[in-house]
C-alpha cells in the first residue's frame, strides 16, 4: 500500500499542442485547455487535428533558443 504512484497516474500530462489556442472557430479552446465540440462537449481525443498541425507549424517557425 505504501508503493509510490507513477508520475503519469497522479497528474495527467497535457498534450504539447495545448500550448496554443485552438484555431477551430467553433471550438474556441484557450491555451492550456482541451478542445470542445460545437455543443460544448470535450473531445475524447483532447485536440482537433488542426490544433496539432498549428502547433507543429508554430514549433518550426520559432527561432532556436
C-alpha atoms as a PDB file:
ATOM      1  CA  UNK A   1       0.000   0.000   0.000  1.00  0.00           C
ATOM      2  CA  UNK A   2       2.933   2.333   0.539  1.00  0.00           C
ATOM      3  CA  UNK A   3       4.281   1.971  -3.009  1.00  0.00           C
ATOM      4  CA  UNK A   4       4.951   5.248  -4.846  1.00  0.00           C
ATOM      5  CA  UNK A   5       2.473   6.233  -7.511  1.00  0.00           C
ATOM      6  CA  UNK A   6       3.854   6.509 -11.056  1.00  0.00           C
ATOM      7  CA  UNK A   7       4.003  10.129 -12.243  1.00  0.00           C
ATOM      8  CA  UNK A   8       1.574   9.543 -15.138  1.00  0.00           C
ATOM      9  CA  UNK A   9      -1.209   8.449 -12.801  1.00  0.00           C
ATOM     10  CA  UNK A  10      -1.026  11.318 -10.360  1.00  0.00           C
ATOM     11  CA  UNK A  11      -1.197  14.190 -12.826  1.00  0.00           C
ATOM     12  CA  UNK A  12      -2.061  13.725 -16.442  1.00  0.00           C
ATOM     13  CA  UNK A  13       0.430  15.196 -18.810  1.00  0.00           C
ATOM     14  CA  UNK A  14      -1.076  17.771 -21.130  1.00  0.00           C
ATOM     15  CA  UNK A  15      -0.555  17.342 -24.858  1.00  0.00           C
ATOM     16  CA  UNK A  16       2.042  19.768 -26.224  1.00  0.00           C
ATOM     17  CA  UNK A  17      -0.441  21.310 -28.676  1.00  0.00           C
ATOM     18  CA  UNK A  18      -2.402  22.702 -25.728  1.00  0.00           C
ATOM     19  CA  UNK A  19       0.327  25.375 -25.501  1.00  0.00           C
ATOM     20  CA  UNK A  20      -1.504  27.331 -28.221  1.00  0.00           C
ATOM     21  CA  UNK A  21      -5.199  28.233 -28.630  1.00  0.00           C
ATOM     22  CA  UNK A  22      -7.280  26.070 -30.958  1.00  0.00           C
ATOM     23  CA  UNK A  23      -7.686  27.528 -34.468  1.00  0.00           C
ATOM     24  CA  UNK A  24     -11.106  25.899 -34.992  1.00  0.00           C
ATOM     25  CA  UNK A  25     -13.675  28.754 -34.847  1.00  0.00           C
ATOM     26  CA  UNK A  26     -16.405  26.657 -33.213  1.00  0.00           C
ATOM     27  CA  UNK A  27     -14.051  25.310 -30.532  1.00  0.00           C
ATOM     28  CA  UNK A  28     -12.547  28.493 -29.027  1.00  0.00           C
ATOM     29  CA  UNK A  29     -10.295  26.488 -26.640  1.00  0.00           C
ATOM     30  CA  UNK A  30      -7.737  28.717 -24.996  1.00  0.00           C
ATOM     31  CA  UNK A  31      -4.117  27.758 -24.430  1.00  0.00           C
ATOM     32  CA  UNK A  32      -3.830  25.083 -21.761  1.00  0.00           C
ATOM     33  CA  UNK A  33      -7.398  23.797 -22.151  1.00  0.00           C
ATOM     34  CA  UNK A  34      -8.830  20.869 -24.151  1.00  0.00           C
ATOM     35  CA  UNK A  35     -10.803  21.240 -27.364  1.00  0.00           C
ATOM     36  CA  UNK A  36     -14.606  21.082 -27.402  1.00  0.00           C
ATOM     37  CA  UNK A  37     -17.315  20.228 -29.887  1.00  0.00           C
ATOM     38  CA  UNK A  38     -19.682  22.974 -31.105  1.00  0.00           C
ATOM     39  CA  UNK A  39     -22.160  21.818 -28.440  1.00  0.00           C
ATOM     40  CA  UNK A  40     -19.579  22.247 -25.667  1.00  0.00           C
ATOM     41  CA  UNK A  41     -18.590  18.630 -25.008  1.00  0.00           C
ATOM     42  CA  UNK A  42     -14.896  17.788 -24.538  1.00  0.00           C
ATOM     43  CA  UNK A  43     -13.281  15.918 -27.397  1.00  0.00           C
ATOM     44  CA  UNK A  44     -12.276  12.411 -26.424  1.00  0.00           C
ATOM     45  CA  UNK A  45      -9.051  12.848 -28.414  1.00  0.00           C
ATOM     46  CA  UNK A  46      -8.286  16.047 -26.479  1.00  0.00           C
ATOM     47  CA  UNK A  47      -7.443  18.195 -29.513  1.00  0.00           C
ATOM     48  CA  UNK A  48      -8.615  18.887 -33.023  1.00  0.00           C
ATOM     49  CA  UNK A  49      -6.153  17.689 -35.699  1.00  0.00           C
ATOM     50  CA  UNK A  50      -5.799  21.264 -36.950  1.00  0.00           C
ATOM     51  CA  UNK A  51      -4.644  22.360 -33.483  1.00  0.00           C
ATOM     52  CA  UNK A  52      -1.877  19.757 -33.555  1.00  0.00           C
ATOM     53  CA  UNK A  53      -0.928  20.901 -37.068  1.00  0.00           C
ATOM     54  CA  UNK A  54      -0.886  24.555 -35.971  1.00  0.00           C
ATOM     55  CA  UNK A  55       1.318  23.647 -33.014  1.00  0.00           C
ATOM     56  CA  UNK A  56       3.786  21.854 -35.315  1.00  0.00           C
ATOM     57  CA  UNK A  57       3.932  24.907 -37.588  1.00  0.00           C
ATOM     58  CA  UNK A  58       4.390  27.112 -34.525  1.00  0.00           C
ATOM     59  CA  UNK A  59       7.323  24.949 -33.393  1.00  0.00           C
ATOM     60  CA  UNK A  60       9.084  25.061 -36.756  1.00  0.00           C
ATOM     61  CA  UNK A  61       8.713  28.849 -37.135  1.00  0.00           C
ATOM     62  CA  UNK A  62      10.081  29.684 -33.693  1.00  0.00           C
ATOM     63  CA  UNK A  63      13.762  30.639 -33.554  1.00  0.00           C
ATOM     64  CA  UNK A  64      16.047  28.184 -31.782  1.00  0.00           C
ATOM     65  CA  UNK A  65      16.635  29.154 -28.169  1.00  0.00           C
END
